[in-house]
Protein backbone atom coordinates (compact mmCIF):
# COMPACT_ATOMS: atom_id res chain seq x y z
CA MET A 1 8.74 -22.24 -3.94
CA ALA A 2 9.51 -19.03 -2.07
CA LEU A 3 11.16 -16.14 -3.90
CA GLN A 4 14.79 -16.69 -4.79
CA ASN A 5 15.66 -13.08 -5.68
CA ARG A 6 15.83 -9.80 -3.81
CA TYR A 7 13.63 -7.07 -5.29
CA GLU A 8 13.06 -3.36 -4.86
CA PHE A 9 10.25 -1.43 -6.48
CA MET A 10 8.89 2.10 -6.72
CA TYR A 11 5.88 3.90 -8.16
CA TYR A 12 4.23 7.33 -8.27
CA VAL A 13 0.80 8.30 -6.94
CA ALA A 14 -0.99 11.47 -8.09
CA CYS A 15 -3.42 13.12 -5.67
CA THR A 16 -5.73 15.83 -7.08
CA ASN A 17 -8.15 17.78 -4.86
CA ALA A 18 -8.13 14.96 -2.34
CA ASN A 19 -6.74 13.93 1.04
CA PRO A 20 -4.06 11.28 0.42
CA ASN A 21 -3.69 10.32 4.09
CA GLY A 22 -5.31 12.29 6.90
CA ASP A 23 -3.73 12.71 10.34
CA PRO A 24 -6.32 12.11 13.11
CA ASP A 25 -4.18 14.09 15.57
CA MET A 26 -4.41 17.14 13.29
CA GLY A 27 -8.13 17.20 12.52
CA ASN A 28 -7.60 14.79 9.61
CA MET A 29 -5.44 17.30 7.74
CA PRO A 30 -3.12 15.75 5.11
CA ARG A 31 0.13 14.56 6.65
CA ILE A 32 3.13 16.78 5.95
CA ASP A 33 6.76 17.31 6.88
CA PRO A 34 6.52 20.64 8.78
CA GLN A 35 9.99 21.72 7.66
CA THR A 36 9.71 21.08 3.92
CA MET A 37 5.89 20.97 3.61
CA GLN A 38 6.22 17.79 1.57
CA GLY A 39 3.31 15.39 1.98
CA PHE A 40 3.38 11.88 3.42
CA ILE A 41 1.41 8.69 2.79
CA THR A 42 2.15 6.24 5.60
CA ASP A 43 3.11 2.64 4.92
CA VAL A 44 0.10 1.58 6.98
CA ALA A 45 -2.28 3.47 4.66
CA THR A 46 -0.76 1.76 1.61
CA LYS A 47 -0.91 -1.70 3.22
CA ARG A 48 -4.58 -1.15 4.10
CA ARG A 49 -5.42 -0.52 0.46
CA ILE A 50 -3.43 -3.55 -0.67
CA ARG A 51 -5.28 -5.70 1.86
CA ASN A 52 -8.63 -4.30 0.73
CA TYR A 53 -7.85 -5.11 -2.90
CA ILE A 54 -6.75 -8.67 -2.13
CA GLU A 55 -9.99 -9.18 -0.21
CA ILE A 56 -12.20 -8.17 -3.12
CA ALA A 57 -10.04 -9.68 -5.89
CA TYR A 58 -9.44 -13.12 -4.31
CA PRO A 59 -12.55 -13.95 -2.26
CA GLY A 60 -12.52 -17.48 -0.91
CA VAL A 61 -9.21 -18.38 -2.57
CA PRO A 62 -7.19 -20.66 -0.26
CA GLY A 63 -4.20 -18.87 1.21
CA MET A 64 -5.50 -15.41 0.30
CA GLY A 65 -7.30 -14.61 3.54
CA ILE A 66 -6.63 -11.32 5.29
CA PHE A 67 -5.50 -11.30 8.92
CA VAL A 68 -5.91 -7.55 9.64
CA GLN A 69 -9.49 -6.74 8.67
CA LYS A 70 -11.79 -3.91 9.62
CA ALA A 71 -13.62 -4.50 12.92
CA VAL A 72 -12.23 -8.03 13.32
CA ASN A 73 -10.77 -9.42 16.54
CA LEU A 74 -7.18 -10.46 15.78
CA ASN A 75 -7.26 -13.06 18.54
CA LYS A 76 -10.03 -14.84 16.63
CA GLN A 77 -7.76 -15.03 13.57
CA ILE A 78 -4.91 -16.41 15.67
CA ALA A 79 -7.24 -19.02 17.20
CA LEU A 80 -8.29 -20.03 13.67
CA ALA A 81 -4.66 -20.59 12.69
CA LYS A 82 -4.10 -22.72 15.79
CA ARG A 83 -7.24 -24.75 15.12
CA GLU A 84 -6.33 -25.30 11.45
CA ALA A 85 -2.84 -26.38 12.56
CA GLY A 86 -4.47 -29.03 14.75
CA ILE A 87 -2.97 -27.70 17.96
CA GLU A 88 -5.99 -26.07 19.59
CA GLY A 89 -5.69 -27.10 23.21
CA ALA A 90 -3.02 -29.66 22.35
CA LYS A 91 0.44 -29.95 23.89
CA GLU A 92 2.74 -30.08 20.87
CA LYS A 93 6.51 -29.84 20.97
CA ASN A 94 6.44 -26.43 19.31
CA PRO A 95 2.81 -25.24 19.06
CA VAL A 96 3.78 -21.58 18.56
CA TYR A 97 5.83 -22.40 15.47
CA ALA A 98 3.10 -24.65 14.08
CA ALA A 99 0.48 -21.91 14.51
CA ARG A 100 2.84 -19.33 12.99
CA LYS A 101 3.41 -21.54 9.95
CA LYS A 102 -0.31 -22.13 9.50
CA ALA A 103 -1.06 -18.39 9.77
CA CYS A 104 1.41 -17.79 6.93
CA GLU A 105 -0.42 -20.39 4.86
CA LEU A 106 -3.87 -18.98 5.59
CA PHE A 107 -3.35 -15.22 5.48
CA TYR A 108 -1.84 -13.35 2.54
CA ASP A 109 -0.98 -10.26 4.58
CA VAL A 110 0.85 -12.30 7.24
CA ARG A 111 2.87 -14.03 4.53
CA THR A 112 3.58 -10.66 2.90
CA PHE A 113 3.85 -7.99 5.59
CA GLY A 114 4.27 -10.08 8.72
CA ALA A 115 2.27 -9.77 11.94
CA VAL A 116 2.41 -9.78 15.73
CA MET A 117 0.33 -12.80 16.80
CA SER A 118 1.04 -12.95 20.51
CA THR A 119 -1.84 -10.73 21.64
CA GLY A 120 -3.89 -13.61 23.08
CA PRO A 121 -3.54 -17.19 21.83
CA ASN A 122 0.16 -17.20 21.00
CA ALA A 123 1.26 -17.77 17.39
CA GLY A 124 4.48 -15.80 17.72
CA GLN A 125 5.63 -13.02 15.42
CA VAL A 126 6.30 -12.94 11.70
CA ARG A 127 8.66 -10.52 10.03
CA GLY A 128 7.30 -9.99 6.54
CA PRO A 129 9.45 -10.01 3.38
CA VAL A 130 7.64 -6.99 1.90
CA GLN A 131 8.27 -3.62 3.48
CA LEU A 132 7.01 -0.23 2.30
CA ALA A 133 8.47 3.18 3.03
CA PHE A 134 6.38 6.31 3.58
CA GLY A 135 5.24 7.80 0.30
CA LYS A 136 6.63 11.34 -0.01
CA SER A 137 5.56 14.11 -2.36
CA LEU A 138 8.24 15.35 -4.74
CA ASP A 139 7.43 18.97 -3.88
CA SER A 140 5.70 20.88 -1.12
CA VAL A 141 1.93 20.50 -0.91
CA LEU A 142 -0.67 23.02 0.23
CA PRO A 143 -3.14 21.59 2.79
CA LEU A 144 -6.54 23.29 2.57
CA ASP A 145 -9.33 23.22 5.16
CA ILE A 146 -12.48 23.93 3.16
CA SER A 147 -15.85 24.83 4.72
CA ILE A 148 -18.95 23.08 3.38
CA THR A 149 -22.66 23.40 4.11
CA ARG A 150 -24.79 20.38 4.93
CA MET A 151 -28.35 21.23 3.85
CA ALA A 152 -29.94 18.90 6.40
CA ALA A 153 -29.63 18.07 10.08
CA ALA A 154 -30.43 15.32 12.59
CA LEU A 155 -32.94 16.55 15.19
CA GLY A 156 -35.07 15.04 17.92
CA GLY A 157 -32.76 12.64 19.77
CA ASN A 158 -32.75 8.84 19.55
CA ASP A 159 -35.41 6.15 19.04
CA LYS A 160 -38.38 8.38 18.26
CA SER A 161 -41.31 7.73 15.96
CA TYR A 162 -41.66 9.19 12.47
CA GLU A 163 -44.30 11.60 13.75
CA GLU A 164 -42.06 12.86 16.55
CA TYR A 165 -39.18 13.49 14.14
CA GLU A 166 -41.55 15.27 11.75
CA LYS A 167 -42.80 17.49 14.58
CA ALA A 168 -39.22 18.40 15.52
CA GLU A 169 -38.60 19.34 11.88
CA GLN A 170 -41.71 21.53 11.71
CA GLU A 171 -40.81 23.35 14.93
CA ALA A 172 -37.18 24.03 13.97
CA SER A 173 -36.04 27.14 12.12
CA GLU A 174 -34.39 26.82 8.73
CA ASP A 175 -31.01 27.61 10.27
CA LYS A 176 -31.42 24.66 12.65
CA LEU A 177 -32.00 22.33 9.69
CA ARG A 178 -28.59 22.86 8.17
CA THR A 179 -25.08 22.54 9.54
CA MET A 180 -21.55 23.37 8.59
CA GLY A 181 -18.76 20.91 7.90
CA ARG A 182 -15.19 20.79 6.63
CA LYS A 183 -13.11 18.97 4.06
CA GLN A 184 -9.34 18.65 4.16
CA ILE A 185 -7.55 18.35 0.80
CA ILE A 186 -4.47 19.30 -1.16
CA PRO A 187 -4.86 20.76 -4.69
CA PHE A 188 -2.20 18.41 -6.08
CA GLY A 189 0.73 16.24 -5.04
CA LEU A 190 2.86 13.64 -6.79
CA TYR A 191 4.09 11.04 -4.30
CA GLU A 192 6.95 8.58 -4.72
CA VAL A 193 6.55 5.27 -2.87
CA ARG A 194 9.37 2.75 -2.43
CA GLY A 195 9.18 -0.92 -1.51
CA PHE A 196 11.52 -3.77 -0.64
CA ILE A 197 11.20 -7.55 -0.96
CA SER A 198 13.60 -9.82 0.95
CA ALA A 199 14.19 -13.29 -0.46
CA ASN A 200 15.59 -14.44 2.89
CA LEU A 201 12.43 -13.48 4.77
CA ALA A 202 10.28 -14.86 1.94
CA ALA A 203 11.80 -18.27 2.65
CA GLU A 204 10.48 -18.05 6.21
CA THR A 205 6.89 -17.10 5.31
CA GLY A 206 6.48 -18.89 1.97
CA PHE A 207 6.00 -15.68 -0.03
CA ASP A 208 6.38 -16.80 -3.66
CA GLU A 209 6.15 -15.57 -7.26
CA ALA A 210 2.35 -15.79 -7.28
CA ASP A 211 2.17 -13.71 -4.09
CA MET A 212 4.46 -11.09 -5.62
CA LYS A 213 2.32 -10.96 -8.75
CA ALA A 214 -0.78 -10.42 -6.59
CA LEU A 215 1.08 -7.67 -4.69
CA PHE A 216 1.97 -5.81 -7.89
CA GLU A 217 -1.59 -6.25 -9.20
CA ALA A 218 -2.95 -4.79 -5.96
CA ILE A 219 -0.61 -1.78 -6.04
CA LEU A 220 -1.58 -0.84 -9.59
CA ASN A 221 -5.31 -1.31 -8.89
CA MET A 222 -5.73 -0.33 -5.24
CA TYR A 223 -6.92 3.26 -5.75
CA GLU A 224 -9.38 2.20 -8.45
CA HIS A 225 -11.36 0.45 -5.72
CA ASP A 226 -10.91 3.05 -2.99
CA ARG A 227 -12.95 5.95 -4.32
CA SER A 228 -14.51 8.29 -1.77
CA ALA A 229 -15.33 11.97 -1.37
CA SER A 230 -11.88 12.53 0.15
CA LYS A 231 -9.95 10.27 -2.25
CA GLY A 232 -11.87 10.61 -5.49
CA GLU A 233 -8.83 11.48 -7.56
CA MET A 234 -5.93 9.32 -6.47
CA GLU A 235 -4.22 6.95 -8.84
CA VAL A 236 -0.94 5.19 -9.51
CA VAL A 237 0.16 7.12 -12.60
CA SER A 238 3.48 5.42 -13.36
CA PRO A 239 4.37 1.87 -14.29
CA LEU A 240 5.58 -0.15 -11.35
CA ILE A 241 9.38 0.14 -11.56
CA ILE A 242 11.02 -3.10 -10.43
CA PHE A 243 14.64 -3.99 -9.67
CA LYS A 244 15.49 -7.70 -9.63
CA HIS A 245 18.81 -8.96 -8.29
CA GLU A 246 20.13 -11.92 -10.31
CA GLY A 247 23.85 -12.08 -9.49
CA THR A 248 26.96 -12.07 -11.66
CA ASP A 249 29.06 -15.06 -10.59
CA THR A 250 29.61 -17.97 -12.98
CA ASN A 251 29.28 -20.44 -10.12
CA PRO A 252 25.54 -21.31 -9.82
CA GLU A 253 25.58 -21.58 -6.03
CA GLN A 254 27.40 -18.28 -5.60
CA ARG A 255 25.12 -16.61 -8.14
CA ALA A 256 22.04 -17.81 -6.26
CA ARG A 257 23.53 -16.42 -3.07
CA GLN A 258 24.10 -13.05 -4.74
CA ALA A 259 20.53 -13.06 -6.07
CA LYS A 260 19.19 -13.41 -2.53
CA LEU A 261 21.55 -10.93 -0.89
CA GLY A 262 21.56 -8.38 -3.70
CA CYS A 263 24.11 -6.85 -6.06
CA ALA A 264 23.65 -3.13 -5.37
CA PRO A 265 22.37 -0.87 -2.55
CA ALA A 266 18.68 -0.05 -2.84
CA HIS A 267 19.19 3.71 -2.69
CA LYS A 268 21.52 3.56 -5.71
CA LEU A 269 18.86 1.77 -7.71
CA PHE A 270 16.17 4.28 -6.80
CA GLU A 271 18.47 7.07 -7.98
CA LEU A 272 18.23 5.69 -11.53
CA VAL A 273 14.80 7.33 -11.75
CA THR A 274 14.60 11.14 -11.64
CA VAL A 275 11.41 13.18 -11.78
CA GLN A 276 11.45 16.98 -12.02
CA LYS A 277 8.66 19.50 -12.36
CA LYS A 278 8.34 21.57 -15.55
CA VAL A 279 6.09 24.29 -14.10
CA ASP A 280 6.07 26.28 -10.85
CA PHE A 281 2.76 24.92 -9.58
CA PRO A 282 2.07 21.42 -10.93
CA ARG A 283 -1.55 20.32 -11.10
CA ASN A 284 -1.04 17.12 -13.10
CA TYR A 285 1.58 14.38 -13.17
CA ARG A 286 2.39 15.37 -16.74
CA ASP A 287 3.64 18.69 -15.35
CA TYR A 288 6.66 16.59 -14.39
CA GLU A 289 9.36 15.04 -16.55
CA ALA A 290 10.48 11.52 -15.64
CA LYS A 291 13.74 9.99 -16.84
CA VAL A 292 15.12 6.50 -16.37
CA ALA A 293 18.85 5.75 -16.63
CA LEU A 294 18.54 2.25 -18.08
CA ASP A 295 22.16 2.33 -19.26
CA LYS A 296 23.41 2.75 -15.67
CA VAL A 297 21.78 -0.30 -14.09
CA PRO A 298 24.50 -2.12 -12.07
CA ALA A 299 25.78 -5.54 -13.10
CA GLY A 300 23.73 -8.36 -11.63
CA VAL A 301 20.52 -6.28 -11.50
CA ARG A 302 17.69 -6.07 -14.03
CA MET A 303 15.27 -3.15 -14.25
CA GLY A 304 11.69 -3.84 -15.27
CA PHE A 305 8.38 -2.05 -15.73
CA LEU A 306 4.83 -3.26 -15.13
CA SER A 307 2.04 -1.12 -16.61
CA ASN A 308 -0.71 -3.72 -16.96
CA PRO A 309 -1.58 -5.25 -13.56
CA TYR A 310 -2.50 -8.52 -15.31
CA GLY A 311 0.38 -8.47 -17.78
CA GLU A 312 4.04 -9.39 -17.70
CA ILE A 313 6.99 -7.30 -16.54
CA VAL A 314 8.92 -5.65 -19.38
CA TRP A 315 12.61 -6.08 -18.59
CA ASP A 316 15.50 -3.83 -19.62
CA GLU A 317 13.33 -1.52 -21.73
CA LEU A 318 10.54 0.99 -21.31
CA PRO A 319 7.12 -0.54 -22.06
CA GLN A 320 5.57 0.29 -25.42
CA GLY A 321 3.12 3.17 -25.31
CA GLU A 322 4.67 4.69 -22.19
CA SER A 323 4.91 8.43 -22.85
CA TRP A 324 5.63 9.92 -19.42
CA PHE A 325 8.89 8.10 -18.77
CA THR A 326 11.81 8.64 -21.11
CA ARG A 327 15.34 7.25 -21.23
CA GLY A 328 17.77 9.63 -19.62
């Protein structure tokens, strides 16, 4: 059964001596707001890491395929959905809808984030129930462009023999056998990321409780499987903070309606969490103080925390052992 409740969630990502999300139009420098110098992590960058985690965590599991993959022709994926729906080349009453429905069944990211599937064989468009905002650093960040030396070089052109490459090496000066490069990083940034889950759109794609659990698992684990020279120290440092709308009405039908539509504006819920720095130049997430106003959660909404990606959500109370967040 598709989700029956509206949800919002948020979490914090620490970036230390790394590039959280490079901008190709700016020489891969970390993305920033030029007025405030606060850093950005695009929603697309976060979705890519979620997709990557689902791929490695659920290989071959039915319904957990990934539509948007690296170096994969999307039209091939659409054609697969049409074939699996039994409408390849057929003249059905509504073949686009049938292919769209099958794509939601086959591909986790279509069911979750939606997709445009009218780029060749037409399977329509899907508006996903899960949407992510840009991650934004709590304070200004300092982008650095650092020079590095590569103590080797590629000489001699293409498709030569070993002997020819060795001769080119012997004839080159030492300066020709090394090159310069650059790395783009920030010393530190703490980013807040917000997400939204629509029960109404979940009903259209089939996004259910198991899919949401996989989403939360992926968010808490995604940076653990995305290590690289530019992203060696990035991690989700907070519990996943979850707001679940349950409704207040005594009438079951009306309460279910409230649970789907929501009982409070999302921005008011996010304001229940405040994080402030304790030092002038933070270099660790513990240089911040995080407070949660659990006593101010609106009626009809529950606030929960997920620290263990394979565990259960702790509702209405901070999880045991959590030292960074305090009641405030």
